[in-house]
Structure formats: structure tokens, C-alpha cells
Amino acid sequence: MDGLSAARWARWLRVPPSGRGTRLGSVPFLIYSVLRLAVLVICAVVLFQLGMRGWLMVGASLLLALGVSYAALRGPRVKAAEYLAARRARREGGHRFSDTQEEDFASEDAQIDAARATGTLTADSPSEDEAQPQQ
């Protein structure tokens, strides 16, 4: 892996220079959803062990998991709500992609503009996809 691709890989994972943090930690909604599913499964297993079967077990475990996740998962729920609110505000502000992607797009646009300015790339130049026939 060369230096450029390693830097892009680290940036995609959002790994700071210290090596802490990953992309998974940046998606609290996913973490909250997984925790809620885990609470649901645990409630279903407990009710199954207590002798409850069928649709009654499913309904009771859903209601029990709803109460348990509301009471026990307040922190992840708040983080997920803040994440979704920030994401919505960002999209309403005109930003469709992440900061990293926006920087990559701007860099690519600058390279294309520089190539056009030097005359190595014109507006009539075929793209790589058009230059190579499909097989």
C-alpha cells in the first residue's frame, strides 16, 4: 500500500494520527439500533426461559424491550438523535457529501481545471470510459 492510498484509507476510517477512533464510532444511529436489537433478543430469550411461547412471547418481548431500551439506552439514543439532526442540518445547508468527499471532489476539480489550463485536457476530450470500448 503506497503512502497516498494509506492516507486515503485512514481518512475514510477517520482514524486520527493517534490511532484512536473508527468510522463505526461516527455512526451513533447504527450503534443505537444494534443495541436495541440486542435488548429485544435478550428479552425474548428471558421470556422463552420463563416458559412463554408463540405470539405472546413476541409481543411481550417487544413491549418489554421498548421499556428497557427507553430507560437503559438514553445516552446512545441522544447521540443518535443529535447525529440525525446534524446530518439533516448539513443536507439542508447544501452539503450532500461528507467533508472528506467534498475535499476529494474539490481536489479532482482543481486537477481537471489545471489540465485544461495547460491544454492537456479539453472539453472535447473523451473520458476514460468513452476511450475504452466495452467488451
C-alpha atoms as a PDB file:
ATOM      1  CA  MET A   1       0.000   0.000   0.000  1.00  0.00           C
ATOM      2  CA  ASP A   2       1.613   3.278  -1.032  1.00  0.00           C
ATOM      3  CA  GLY A   3       1.528   6.417   1.120  1.00  0.00           C
ATOM      4  CA  LEU A   4      -1.329   8.068  -0.763  1.00  0.00           C
ATOM      5  CA  SER A   5      -3.681   5.103  -0.583  1.00  0.00           C
ATOM      6  CA  ALA A   6      -2.794   4.523   3.076  1.00  0.00           C
ATOM      7  CA  ALA A   7      -3.631   8.152   3.828  1.00  0.00           C
ATOM      8  CA  ARG A   8      -6.947   7.871   1.986  1.00  0.00           C
ATOM      9  CA  TRP A   9      -7.737   4.616   3.795  1.00  0.00           C
ATOM     10  CA  ALA A  10      -7.006   6.228   7.177  1.00  0.00           C
ATOM     11  CA  ARG A  11      -9.091   9.258   6.226  1.00  0.00           C
ATOM     12  CA  TRP A  12     -12.008   7.017   5.173  1.00  0.00           C
ATOM     13  CA  LEU A  13     -11.813   5.223   8.517  1.00  0.00           C
ATOM     14  CA  ARG A  14     -11.467   8.616  10.197  1.00  0.00           C
ATOM     15  CA  VAL A  15      -8.507   7.397  12.176  1.00  0.00           C
ATOM     16  CA  PRO A  16      -6.749  10.301  13.872  1.00  0.00           C
ATOM     17  CA  PRO A  17      -2.937  10.279  13.997  1.00  0.00           C
ATOM     18  CA  SER A  18      -3.066   8.791  17.496  1.00  0.00           C
ATOM     19  CA  GLY A  19      -4.775   5.704  16.050  1.00  0.00           C
ATOM     20  CA  ARG A  20      -7.964   6.078  18.077  1.00  0.00           C
ATOM     21  CA  GLY A  21     -11.456   6.205  16.586  1.00  0.00           C
ATOM     22  CA  THR A  22     -13.107   4.440  13.682  1.00  0.00           C
ATOM     23  CA  ARG A  23     -15.918   5.009  11.257  1.00  0.00           C
ATOM     24  CA  LEU A  24     -18.250   2.843  13.347  1.00  0.00           C
ATOM     25  CA  GLY A  25     -17.941   5.295  16.218  1.00  0.00           C
ATOM     26  CA  SER A  26     -19.071   8.065  13.895  1.00  0.00           C
ATOM     27  CA  VAL A  27     -22.475   6.460  13.255  1.00  0.00           C
ATOM     28  CA  PRO A  28     -24.303   6.503  16.590  1.00  0.00           C
ATOM     29  CA  PHE A  29     -27.620   5.658  14.931  1.00  0.00           C
ATOM     30  CA  LEU A  30     -26.218   2.290  13.858  1.00  0.00           C
ATOM     31  CA  ILE A  31     -24.862   1.625  17.350  1.00  0.00           C
ATOM     32  CA  TYR A  32     -28.226   2.525  18.924  1.00  0.00           C
ATOM     33  CA  SER A  33     -30.096   0.238  16.507  1.00  0.00           C
ATOM     34  CA  VAL A  34     -27.802  -2.697  17.245  1.00  0.00           C
ATOM     35  CA  LEU A  35     -28.165  -2.138  20.996  1.00  0.00           C
ATOM     36  CA  ARG A  36     -31.965  -2.079  20.690  1.00  0.00           C
ATOM     37  CA  LEU A  37     -31.932  -5.326  18.728  1.00  0.00           C
ATOM     38  CA  ALA A  38     -29.695  -6.881  21.374  1.00  0.00           C
ATOM     39  CA  VAL A  39     -32.129  -5.807  24.112  1.00  0.00           C
ATOM     40  CA  LEU A  40     -35.007  -7.327  22.110  1.00  0.00           C
ATOM     41  CA  VAL A  41     -33.190 -10.646  21.721  1.00  0.00           C
ATOM     42  CA  ILE A  42     -32.258 -10.729  25.402  1.00  0.00           C
ATOM     43  CA  CYS A  43     -35.878 -10.063  26.419  1.00  0.00           C
ATOM     44  CA  ALA A  44     -37.119 -12.803  24.080  1.00  0.00           C
ATOM     45  CA  VAL A  45     -34.601 -15.303  25.470  1.00  0.00           C
ATOM     46  CA  VAL A  46     -35.549 -14.440  29.065  1.00  0.00           C
ATOM     47  CA  LEU A  47     -39.272 -14.833  28.331  1.00  0.00           C
ATOM     48  CA  PHE A  48     -38.599 -18.104  26.496  1.00  0.00           C
ATOM     49  CA  GLN A  49     -36.691 -19.401  29.522  1.00  0.00           C
ATOM     50  CA  LEU A  50     -39.641 -18.433  31.717  1.00  0.00           C
ATOM     51  CA  GLY A  51     -41.902 -20.660  29.599  1.00  0.00           C
ATOM     52  CA  MET A  52     -43.601 -18.104  27.355  1.00  0.00           C
ATOM     53  CA  ARG A  53     -44.030 -19.253  23.748  1.00  0.00           C
ATOM     54  CA  GLY A  54     -45.599 -18.127  20.459  1.00  0.00           C
ATOM     55  CA  TRP A  55     -47.018 -14.723  19.624  1.00  0.00           C
ATOM     56  CA  LEU A  56     -47.435 -13.876  23.278  1.00  0.00           C
ATOM     57  CA  MET A  57     -43.664 -14.123  23.747  1.00  0.00           C
ATOM     58  CA  VAL A  58     -43.034 -11.963  20.658  1.00  0.00           C
ATOM     59  CA  GLY A  59     -45.486  -9.266  21.754  1.00  0.00           C
ATOM     60  CA  ALA A  60     -44.351  -9.285  25.367  1.00  0.00           C
ATOM     61  CA  SER A  61     -40.666  -9.147  24.390  1.00  0.00           C
ATOM     62  CA  LEU A  62     -41.344  -6.203  22.062  1.00  0.00           C
ATOM     63  CA  LEU A  63     -43.105  -4.259  24.810  1.00  0.00           C
ATOM     64  CA  LEU A  64     -40.515  -5.191  27.406  1.00  0.00           C
ATOM     65  CA  ALA A  65     -37.646  -4.263  25.073  1.00  0.00           C
ATOM     66  CA  LEU A  66     -39.315  -0.925  24.330  1.00  0.00           C
ATOM     67  CA  GLY A  67     -39.369  -0.032  28.017  1.00  0.00           C
ATOM     68  CA  VAL A  68     -35.898  -1.358  28.760  1.00  0.00           C
ATOM     69  CA  SER A  69     -34.288   0.399  25.784  1.00  0.00           C
ATOM     70  CA  TYR A  70     -36.033   3.679  26.640  1.00  0.00           C
ATOM     71  CA  ALA A  71     -34.765   3.553  30.207  1.00  0.00           C
ATOM     72  CA  ALA A  72     -31.333   1.988  29.724  1.00  0.00           C
ATOM     73  CA  LEU A  73     -30.199   3.392  26.357  1.00  0.00           C
ATOM     74  CA  ARG A  74     -30.717   7.100  26.958  1.00  0.00           C
ATOM     75  CA  GLY A  75     -27.119   8.057  26.088  1.00  0.00           C
ATOM     76  CA  PRO A  76     -26.961   6.245  22.744  1.00  0.00           C
ATOM     77  CA  ARG A  77     -30.485   7.487  21.899  1.00  0.00           C
ATOM     78  CA  VAL A  78     -29.485  11.122  22.490  1.00  0.00           C
ATOM     79  CA  LYS A  79     -26.288  10.689  20.436  1.00  0.00           C
ATOM     80  CA  ALA A  80     -28.294   9.107  17.599  1.00  0.00           C
ATOM     81  CA  ALA A  81     -30.829  11.948  17.656  1.00  0.00           C
ATOM     82  CA  GLU A  82     -28.046  14.548  17.608  1.00  0.00           C
ATOM     83  CA  TYR A  83     -26.341  12.725  14.733  1.00  0.00           C
ATOM     84  CA  LEU A  84     -29.541  12.664  12.683  1.00  0.00           C
ATOM     85  CA  ALA A  85     -30.293  16.326  13.437  1.00  0.00           C
ATOM     86  CA  ALA A  86     -26.766  17.369  12.412  1.00  0.00           C
ATOM     87  CA  ARG A  87     -27.000  15.302   9.248  1.00  0.00           C
ATOM     88  CA  ARG A  88     -30.314  16.882   8.324  1.00  0.00           C
ATOM     89  CA  ALA A  89     -28.994  20.387   9.019  1.00  0.00           C
ATOM     90  CA  ARG A  90     -25.943  19.661   6.878  1.00  0.00           C
ATOM     91  CA  ARG A  91     -28.087  18.474   3.975  1.00  0.00           C
ATOM     92  CA  GLU A  92     -30.388  21.473   4.280  1.00  0.00           C
ATOM     93  CA  GLY A  93     -27.278  23.665   4.233  1.00  0.00           C
ATOM     94  CA  GLY A  94     -26.437  22.363   0.767  1.00  0.00           C
ATOM     95  CA  HIS A  95     -23.802  19.784   1.728  1.00  0.00           C
ATOM     96  CA  ARG A  96     -24.701  16.435   0.263  1.00  0.00           C
ATOM     97  CA  PHE A  97     -21.461  14.575   0.963  1.00  0.00           C
ATOM     98  CA  SER A  98     -19.031  14.276   3.876  1.00  0.00           C
ATOM     99  CA  ASP A  99     -16.229  16.810   4.334  1.00  0.00           C
ATOM    100  CA  THR A 100     -13.683  14.263   3.128  1.00  0.00           C
ATOM    101  CA  GLN A 101     -15.629  13.612  -0.056  1.00  0.00           C
ATOM    102  CA  GLU A 102     -16.151  17.340  -0.644  1.00  0.00           C
ATOM    103  CA  GLU A 103     -12.362  17.856  -0.312  1.00  0.00           C
ATOM    104  CA  ASP A 104     -11.691  14.994  -2.746  1.00  0.00           C
ATOM    105  CA  PHE A 105     -14.152  16.426  -5.274  1.00  0.00           C
ATOM    106  CA  ALA A 106     -12.602  19.885  -4.985  1.00  0.00           C
ATOM    107  CA  SER A 107      -9.105  18.399  -5.478  1.00  0.00           C
ATOM    108  CA  GLU A 108     -10.227  16.487  -8.571  1.00  0.00           C
ATOM    109  CA  ASP A 109     -11.908  19.601  -9.979  1.00  0.00           C
ATOM    110  CA  ALA A 110      -8.714  21.600  -9.403  1.00  0.00           C
ATOM    111  CA  GLN A 111      -6.657  18.939 -11.220  1.00  0.00           C
ATOM    112  CA  ILE A 112      -9.065  18.951 -14.161  1.00  0.00           C
ATOM    113  CA  ASP A 113      -9.050  22.757 -14.309  1.00  0.00           C
ATOM    114  CA  ALA A 114      -5.236  22.778 -14.209  1.00  0.00           C
ATOM    115  CA  ALA A 115      -5.086  20.217 -17.020  1.00  0.00           C
ATOM    116  CA  ARG A 116      -7.491  22.291 -19.124  1.00  0.00           C
ATOM    117  CA  ALA A 117      -5.451  25.438 -18.432  1.00  0.00           C
ATOM    118  CA  THR A 118      -2.259  23.772 -19.672  1.00  0.00           C
ATOM    119  CA  GLY A 119      -4.036  22.391 -22.719  1.00  0.00           C
ATOM    120  CA  THR A 120      -3.575  18.721 -21.866  1.00  0.00           C
ATOM    121  CA  LEU A 121      -7.282  18.281 -21.360  1.00  0.00           C
ATOM    122  CA  THR A 122     -10.017  19.875 -23.410  1.00  0.00           C
ATOM    123  CA  ALA A 123     -13.756  19.888 -23.043  1.00  0.00           C
ATOM    124  CA  ASP A 124     -13.937  17.663 -26.151  1.00  0.00           C
ATOM    125  CA  SER A 125     -11.583  15.020 -24.723  1.00  0.00           C
ATOM    126  CA  PRO A 126     -13.286  11.686 -24.196  1.00  0.00           C
ATOM    127  CA  SER A 127     -13.417  10.369 -20.690  1.00  0.00           C
ATOM    128  CA  GLU A 128     -11.645   7.129 -19.790  1.00  0.00           C
ATOM    129  CA  ASP A 129     -14.923   5.219 -20.102  1.00  0.00           C
ATOM    130  CA  GLU A 130     -15.572   6.562 -23.609  1.00  0.00           C
ATOM    131  CA  ALA A 131     -11.983   5.970 -24.765  1.00  0.00           C
ATOM    132  CA  GLN A 132     -12.086   2.235 -23.979  1.00  0.00           C
ATOM    133  CA  PRO A 133     -14.732   0.166 -25.787  1.00  0.00           C
ATOM    134  CA  GLN A 134     -16.953  -2.074 -23.721  1.00  0.00           C
ATOM    135  CA  GLN A 135     -16.323  -5.788 -24.070  1.00  0.00           C
END
